[in-house]
Amino acid sequence: MTPWHTERLRIAHATAAVLAAEYPGAQIRLEGALAHGLAHARSDIDLRIVTPAGQPLRVVSQVVDGIRVDLHTSTAEELGELHGLLASFDLPREGDVAAFRTVRSRLSDLTTLRTAAVLDQGEQNLVLDKNETDQYARWALADRVQAAISLTEDLLGLIEARQRLAEQLVWQRLAVVVAQAEAAAAGQPLLGEKWLPALLGLATGPGQAPRAVPTLPDTNRPFGTDTAFRAVRTRLCQALTSSWGTPEPGDPSLDPSWSGRGWLPQRCSDGWALQRGDDLIPLTDAQFHAWATTTRS
């Protein structure tokens, strides 16, 4: 725990005690990076006042001992809707993906809920139970994999069009998304990108160096990106299997075209799949095991 984190926690608990007295019956929560144990020298503090029912309160953010305390309000009913999204993981390989679209549009709110802790008389207790935390991790990982799939589709088009400067920018963005997927698979919330090195450090454990992002390709060499694509596939496979478990090997039939550039894995609620842009191929456990093995060869 850093001095910046310690000082902000002190202010958060003191402010929460004042708010609890001012709004009887309300629950005071700490949210965001600070609730997850992260802070820098100019971090703000995010507190939420949760009322049992009725309209949200009107509050004004404040500055305490030179540190900004942002106050947010919600009703228990509003937050109950978010909890409902974490009741299960519903991303079918084929068919309606309405739940996935809804979760992706509310992922920022779900991340706030994932980090939230109730402040009560000096205690700090997480809001989500283990099942909800596990479901958040699966949704967060699926979201980052989907973002990687979208970026890869753009990257394929840029490589074909030989737009080298744009290609390099997309590679840099893809590197961040892959690292976010690894952090999500390790149970870390999708906080702002500035926290990614710290989150990867938490994911790898005390005393271990954070995992590096994929190496950028040599954009001066035309189409010289197969190794980098393989690194992306391998790391996403490892992230998915660390979250869902490694399927048992079997005697699968694999189409050689599935190892072509741009195909990435995704884990849906009803099994494994490969996706490239809008094209999706459902895989059996044995097929995924074999495909993941080929990505490392």
Protein backbone atom coordinates (compact mmCIF):
# COMPACT_ATOMS: atom_id res chain seq x y z
CA MET A 1 0.00 0.00 0.00
CA THR A 2 1.44 3.36 -1.05
CA PRO A 3 1.26 6.62 0.93
CA TRP A 4 -1.11 8.00 -1.73
CA HIS A 5 -3.45 5.05 -1.27
CA THR A 6 -3.30 5.23 2.54
CA GLU A 7 -4.11 8.96 2.62
CA ARG A 8 -7.04 8.57 0.25
CA LEU A 9 -8.46 5.66 2.19
CA ARG A 10 -8.35 7.77 5.35
CA ILE A 11 -10.25 10.57 3.64
CA ALA A 12 -12.72 8.11 2.08
CA HIS A 13 -13.61 6.54 5.44
CA ALA A 14 -13.89 9.92 7.17
CA THR A 15 -16.10 11.31 4.41
CA ALA A 16 -18.23 8.14 4.40
CA ALA A 17 -18.90 8.55 8.13
CA VAL A 18 -20.10 12.12 7.56
CA LEU A 19 -22.33 11.06 4.65
CA ALA A 20 -23.81 8.15 6.61
CA ALA A 21 -24.86 10.56 9.34
CA GLU A 22 -26.22 13.03 6.80
CA TYR A 23 -28.23 10.42 4.88
CA PRO A 24 -29.64 7.89 7.38
CA GLY A 25 -30.42 4.54 5.83
CA ALA A 26 -28.12 5.10 2.85
CA GLN A 27 -25.17 2.87 2.02
CA ILE A 28 -21.82 4.54 1.31
CA ARG A 29 -19.53 2.81 -1.16
CA LEU A 30 -15.96 3.33 -2.35
CA GLU A 31 -15.45 2.60 -6.05
CA GLY A 32 -12.85 2.45 -8.79
CA ALA A 33 -9.10 2.04 -8.68
CA LEU A 34 -8.79 3.18 -5.06
CA ALA A 35 -11.26 0.49 -3.93
CA HIS A 36 -9.08 -2.02 -5.81
CA GLY A 37 -5.96 -0.87 -3.98
CA LEU A 38 -4.54 1.45 -6.65
CA ALA A 39 -3.76 5.17 -6.46
CA HIS A 40 -1.27 7.69 -7.80
CA ALA A 41 -0.11 11.03 -6.46
CA ARG A 42 -3.08 12.94 -7.93
CA SER A 43 -5.85 10.33 -7.79
CA ASP A 44 -9.41 11.36 -7.01
CA ILE A 45 -11.73 9.45 -4.67
CA ASP A 46 -15.05 8.05 -5.91
CA LEU A 47 -17.83 7.51 -3.38
CA ARG A 48 -21.41 6.44 -4.08
CA ILE A 49 -24.46 7.05 -1.90
CA VAL A 50 -26.97 4.22 -2.38
CA THR A 51 -30.49 4.99 -1.20
CA PRO A 52 -32.99 2.21 -0.47
CA ALA A 53 -35.64 3.53 -2.87
CA GLY A 54 -36.98 6.66 -4.55
CA GLN A 55 -35.11 9.24 -6.56
CA PRO A 56 -31.30 9.58 -6.40
CA LEU A 57 -30.04 12.34 -4.14
CA ARG A 58 -28.56 15.60 -5.37
CA VAL A 59 -24.99 15.83 -4.16
CA VAL A 60 -22.00 18.04 -4.87
CA SER A 61 -18.43 16.78 -5.17
CA GLN A 62 -15.95 18.27 -2.73
CA VAL A 63 -12.25 18.75 -2.02
CA VAL A 64 -10.94 17.30 1.24
CA ASP A 65 -7.36 18.02 2.31
CA GLY A 66 -6.53 18.95 -1.27
CA ILE A 67 -7.95 15.73 -2.75
CA ARG A 68 -11.08 15.71 -4.87
CA VAL A 69 -13.91 13.47 -3.65
CA ASP A 70 -16.41 12.76 -6.40
CA LEU A 71 -19.85 11.84 -5.08
CA HIS A 72 -22.26 9.70 -7.09
CA THR A 73 -25.77 8.54 -6.27
CA SER A 74 -27.86 5.50 -7.14
CA THR A 75 -30.93 3.73 -5.86
CA ALA A 76 -30.81 0.11 -4.78
CA GLU A 77 -33.20 -0.67 -7.63
CA GLU A 78 -30.84 0.77 -10.24
CA LEU A 79 -27.94 -1.26 -8.92
CA GLY A 80 -30.14 -4.35 -8.75
CA GLU A 81 -30.43 -4.20 -12.55
CA LEU A 82 -26.64 -4.34 -12.81
CA HIS A 83 -26.50 -7.29 -10.44
CA GLY A 84 -28.97 -9.02 -12.76
CA LEU A 85 -26.49 -8.80 -15.63
CA LEU A 86 -23.98 -10.72 -13.52
CA ALA A 87 -26.38 -13.55 -12.71
CA SER A 88 -25.12 -15.63 -15.63
CA PHE A 89 -22.89 -15.61 -18.72
CA ASP A 90 -24.92 -15.72 -21.93
CA LEU A 91 -22.95 -15.48 -25.16
CA PRO A 92 -24.18 -18.09 -27.67
CA ARG A 93 -21.97 -19.12 -30.57
CA GLU A 94 -24.86 -18.62 -32.95
CA GLY A 95 -28.14 -16.76 -32.61
CA ASP A 96 -29.18 -13.76 -30.55
CA VAL A 97 -26.34 -12.04 -28.66
CA ALA A 98 -28.56 -9.36 -27.13
CA ALA A 99 -27.28 -10.03 -23.61
CA PHE A 100 -23.68 -9.60 -24.78
CA ARG A 101 -24.49 -6.31 -26.46
CA THR A 102 -26.24 -5.09 -23.31
CA VAL A 103 -23.35 -6.09 -21.07
CA ARG A 104 -20.78 -4.46 -23.37
CA SER A 105 -22.75 -1.21 -23.31
CA ARG A 106 -22.87 -1.33 -19.49
CA LEU A 107 -19.37 -2.68 -18.88
CA SER A 108 -18.14 0.58 -17.37
CA ASP A 109 -20.98 0.47 -14.83
CA LEU A 110 -20.31 -3.22 -14.17
CA THR A 111 -16.64 -2.45 -13.56
CA THR A 112 -17.66 0.17 -11.02
CA LEU A 113 -19.82 -2.46 -9.33
CA ARG A 114 -16.98 -5.00 -9.51
CA THR A 115 -14.66 -2.71 -7.53
CA ALA A 116 -17.30 -1.33 -5.14
CA ALA A 117 -16.87 -1.82 -1.39
CA VAL A 118 -19.22 -0.71 1.38
CA LEU A 119 -17.56 1.62 3.90
CA ASP A 120 -18.94 1.09 7.39
CA GLN A 121 -17.21 2.15 10.62
CA GLY A 122 -13.73 1.67 9.19
CA GLU A 123 -14.54 -1.62 7.48
CA GLN A 124 -14.40 -2.14 3.72
CA ASN A 125 -16.51 -5.01 2.33
CA LEU A 126 -16.82 -5.90 -1.36
CA VAL A 127 -20.30 -5.66 -2.84
CA LEU A 128 -20.16 -8.62 -5.25
CA ASP A 129 -20.19 -12.23 -4.17
CA LYS A 130 -17.85 -14.81 -5.71
CA ASN A 131 -20.32 -15.97 -8.37
CA GLU A 132 -20.90 -12.39 -9.54
CA THR A 133 -17.16 -11.70 -9.57
CA ASP A 134 -16.58 -14.84 -11.66
CA GLN A 135 -19.31 -13.86 -14.12
CA TYR A 136 -17.86 -10.34 -14.41
CA ALA A 137 -14.46 -11.86 -15.26
CA ARG A 138 -16.02 -13.95 -18.05
CA TRP A 139 -17.93 -11.02 -19.49
CA ALA A 140 -14.84 -8.78 -19.29
CA LEU A 141 -12.65 -11.39 -20.97
CA ALA A 142 -15.22 -11.98 -23.74
CA ASP A 143 -15.44 -8.21 -24.30
CA ARG A 144 -11.67 -7.84 -24.68
CA VAL A 145 -11.47 -10.84 -27.00
CA GLN A 146 -14.25 -9.33 -29.12
CA ALA A 147 -12.35 -6.04 -29.21
CA ALA A 148 -9.26 -7.95 -30.39
CA ILE A 149 -11.31 -9.62 -33.11
CA SER A 150 -12.56 -6.24 -34.33
CA LEU A 151 -9.07 -4.72 -34.31
CA THR A 152 -7.68 -7.73 -36.16
CA GLU A 153 -10.25 -7.28 -38.90
CA ASP A 154 -9.11 -3.66 -39.30
CA LEU A 155 -5.50 -4.77 -39.22
CA LEU A 156 -6.02 -7.28 -42.03
CA GLY A 157 -7.52 -4.54 -44.18
CA LEU A 158 -4.69 -2.13 -43.42
CA ILE A 159 -2.04 -4.75 -44.18
CA GLU A 160 -3.71 -5.52 -47.50
CA ALA A 161 -3.91 -1.82 -48.32
CA ARG A 162 -0.28 -1.34 -47.19
CA GLN A 163 -1.21 1.54 -44.91
CA ARG A 164 1.84 1.09 -42.72
CA LEU A 165 1.45 3.98 -40.27
CA ALA A 166 -2.17 3.13 -39.52
CA GLU A 167 -1.21 -0.54 -39.26
CA GLN A 168 1.33 0.23 -36.55
CA LEU A 169 -1.21 2.26 -34.56
CA VAL A 170 -3.69 -0.63 -34.65
CA TRP A 171 -0.97 -3.07 -33.57
CA GLN A 172 -0.27 -0.86 -30.57
CA ARG A 173 -3.95 -0.78 -29.67
CA LEU A 174 -4.25 -4.55 -30.15
CA ALA A 175 -1.29 -5.07 -27.82
CA VAL A 176 -3.11 -3.17 -25.06
CA VAL A 177 -6.34 -5.12 -25.61
CA VAL A 178 -4.53 -8.49 -25.42
CA ALA A 179 -2.89 -7.44 -22.15
CA GLN A 180 -6.30 -6.35 -20.83
CA ALA A 181 -7.67 -9.79 -21.73
CA GLU A 182 -4.88 -11.40 -19.71
CA ALA A 183 -5.64 -9.19 -16.73
CA ALA A 184 -9.37 -9.93 -17.00
CA ALA A 185 -8.69 -13.67 -17.18
CA ALA A 186 -6.72 -13.33 -13.94
CA GLY A 187 -9.74 -11.76 -12.23
CA GLN A 188 -8.73 -8.10 -12.50
CA PRO A 189 -11.32 -5.40 -13.35
CA LEU A 190 -11.17 -3.40 -16.59
CA LEU A 191 -9.98 -0.14 -15.10
CA GLY A 192 -8.53 2.73 -17.13
CA GLU A 193 -5.56 1.87 -19.33
CA LYS A 194 -3.14 3.80 -17.11
CA TRP A 195 -3.68 1.09 -14.49
CA LEU A 196 -2.88 -1.81 -16.84
CA PRO A 197 0.77 -2.29 -15.74
CA ALA A 198 -0.34 -2.38 -12.10
CA LEU A 199 -3.18 -4.79 -12.90
CA LEU A 200 -0.83 -7.11 -14.76
CA GLY A 201 1.45 -6.96 -11.74
CA LEU A 202 -1.45 -8.02 -9.51
CA ALA A 203 -2.31 -10.76 -12.01
CA THR A 204 1.20 -12.24 -12.02
CA GLY A 205 1.64 -12.08 -8.27
CA PRO A 206 3.99 -10.31 -5.82
CA GLY A 207 7.61 -10.00 -6.89
CA GLN A 208 6.95 -11.04 -10.49
CA ALA A 209 7.42 -8.76 -13.47
CA PRO A 210 4.23 -7.82 -15.36
CA ARG A 211 3.73 -9.69 -18.61
CA ALA A 212 4.80 -7.74 -21.68
CA VAL A 213 2.43 -6.81 -24.48
CA PRO A 214 2.87 -8.56 -27.86
CA THR A 215 5.87 -7.48 -29.86
CA LEU A 216 5.07 -5.05 -32.66
CA PRO A 217 5.77 -6.33 -36.17
CA ASP A 218 8.36 -4.87 -38.48
CA THR A 219 6.04 -2.63 -40.48
CA ASN A 220 8.80 -1.86 -42.98
CA ARG A 221 8.71 -5.44 -44.18
CA PRO A 222 5.61 -6.08 -46.31
CA PHE A 223 3.22 -8.55 -44.69
CA GLY A 224 5.85 -9.50 -42.12
CA THR A 225 3.32 -10.07 -39.32
CA ASP A 226 2.72 -13.84 -39.07
CA THR A 227 4.82 -14.16 -35.91
CA ALA A 228 2.98 -11.28 -34.25
CA PHE A 229 -0.41 -12.75 -35.21
CA ARG A 230 0.65 -16.06 -33.73
CA ALA A 231 1.62 -14.30 -30.49
CA VAL A 232 -1.83 -12.70 -30.27
CA ARG A 233 -3.57 -16.05 -30.87
CA THR A 234 -1.40 -17.83 -28.32
CA ARG A 235 -1.91 -15.26 -25.60
CA LEU A 236 -5.66 -15.11 -26.11
CA CYS A 237 -5.84 -18.91 -26.01
CA GLN A 238 -3.91 -18.91 -22.76
CA ALA A 239 -6.18 -16.23 -21.29
CA LEU A 240 -9.33 -18.12 -22.26
CA THR A 241 -8.14 -21.50 -21.02
CA SER A 242 -6.91 -20.00 -17.74
CA SER A 243 -10.47 -18.77 -17.17
CA TRP A 244 -12.48 -21.68 -18.63
CA GLY A 245 -10.07 -24.57 -18.27
CA THR A 246 -8.17 -26.46 -20.96
CA PRO A 247 -10.39 -28.87 -22.93
CA GLU A 248 -9.39 -32.50 -23.22
CA PRO A 249 -7.53 -33.53 -26.38
CA GLY A 250 -9.21 -35.81 -28.88
CA ASP A 251 -9.04 -36.87 -32.51
CA PRO A 252 -10.41 -33.80 -34.28
CA SER A 253 -10.71 -32.81 -37.90
CA LEU A 254 -9.24 -29.39 -38.59
CA ASP A 255 -9.67 -27.36 -41.74
CA PRO A 256 -6.23 -25.99 -42.78
CA SER A 257 -7.82 -22.62 -43.55
CA TRP A 258 -8.61 -22.13 -39.85
CA SER A 259 -4.92 -21.50 -39.19
CA GLY A 260 -4.92 -18.59 -41.62
CA ARG A 261 -4.08 -15.08 -40.55
CA GLY A 262 -6.73 -13.31 -38.51
CA TRP A 263 -8.65 -16.19 -36.91
CA LEU A 264 -8.95 -15.68 -33.14
CA PRO A 265 -10.55 -17.80 -30.41
CA GLN A 266 -13.64 -16.94 -28.39
CA ARG A 267 -15.29 -18.83 -25.53
CA CYS A 268 -19.07 -18.68 -25.66
CA SER A 269 -21.58 -19.97 -23.13
CA ASP A 270 -22.17 -23.08 -25.27
CA GLY A 271 -18.58 -23.85 -26.26
CA TRP A 272 -15.51 -22.75 -28.20
CA ALA A 273 -15.42 -20.88 -31.49
CA LEU A 274 -13.09 -19.25 -33.98
CA GLN A 275 -13.97 -15.82 -35.28
CA ARG A 276 -12.62 -13.54 -37.98
CA GLY A 277 -14.71 -10.45 -38.50
CA ASP A 278 -18.31 -11.58 -38.88
CA ASP A 279 -17.34 -15.18 -39.71
CA LEU A 280 -17.68 -17.65 -36.85
CA ILE A 281 -16.84 -21.36 -36.69
CA PRO A 282 -18.09 -23.42 -33.71
CA LEU A 283 -15.46 -25.87 -32.44
CA THR A 284 -15.67 -28.99 -30.34
CA ASP A 285 -13.43 -29.20 -27.28
CA ALA A 286 -11.07 -31.51 -29.17
CA GLN A 287 -10.95 -29.17 -32.17
CA PHE A 288 -10.17 -26.17 -29.99
CA HIS A 289 -7.44 -28.09 -28.15
CA ALA A 290 -5.85 -29.05 -31.45
CA TRP A 291 -6.21 -25.56 -32.94
CA ALA A 292 -4.71 -23.94 -29.84
CA THR A 293 -1.79 -26.35 -30.03
CA THR A 294 -1.11 -25.42 -33.66
CA THR A 295 -0.99 -21.71 -32.76
CA ARG A 296 2.09 -22.38 -30.66
CA SER A 297 3.93 -24.35 -33.32
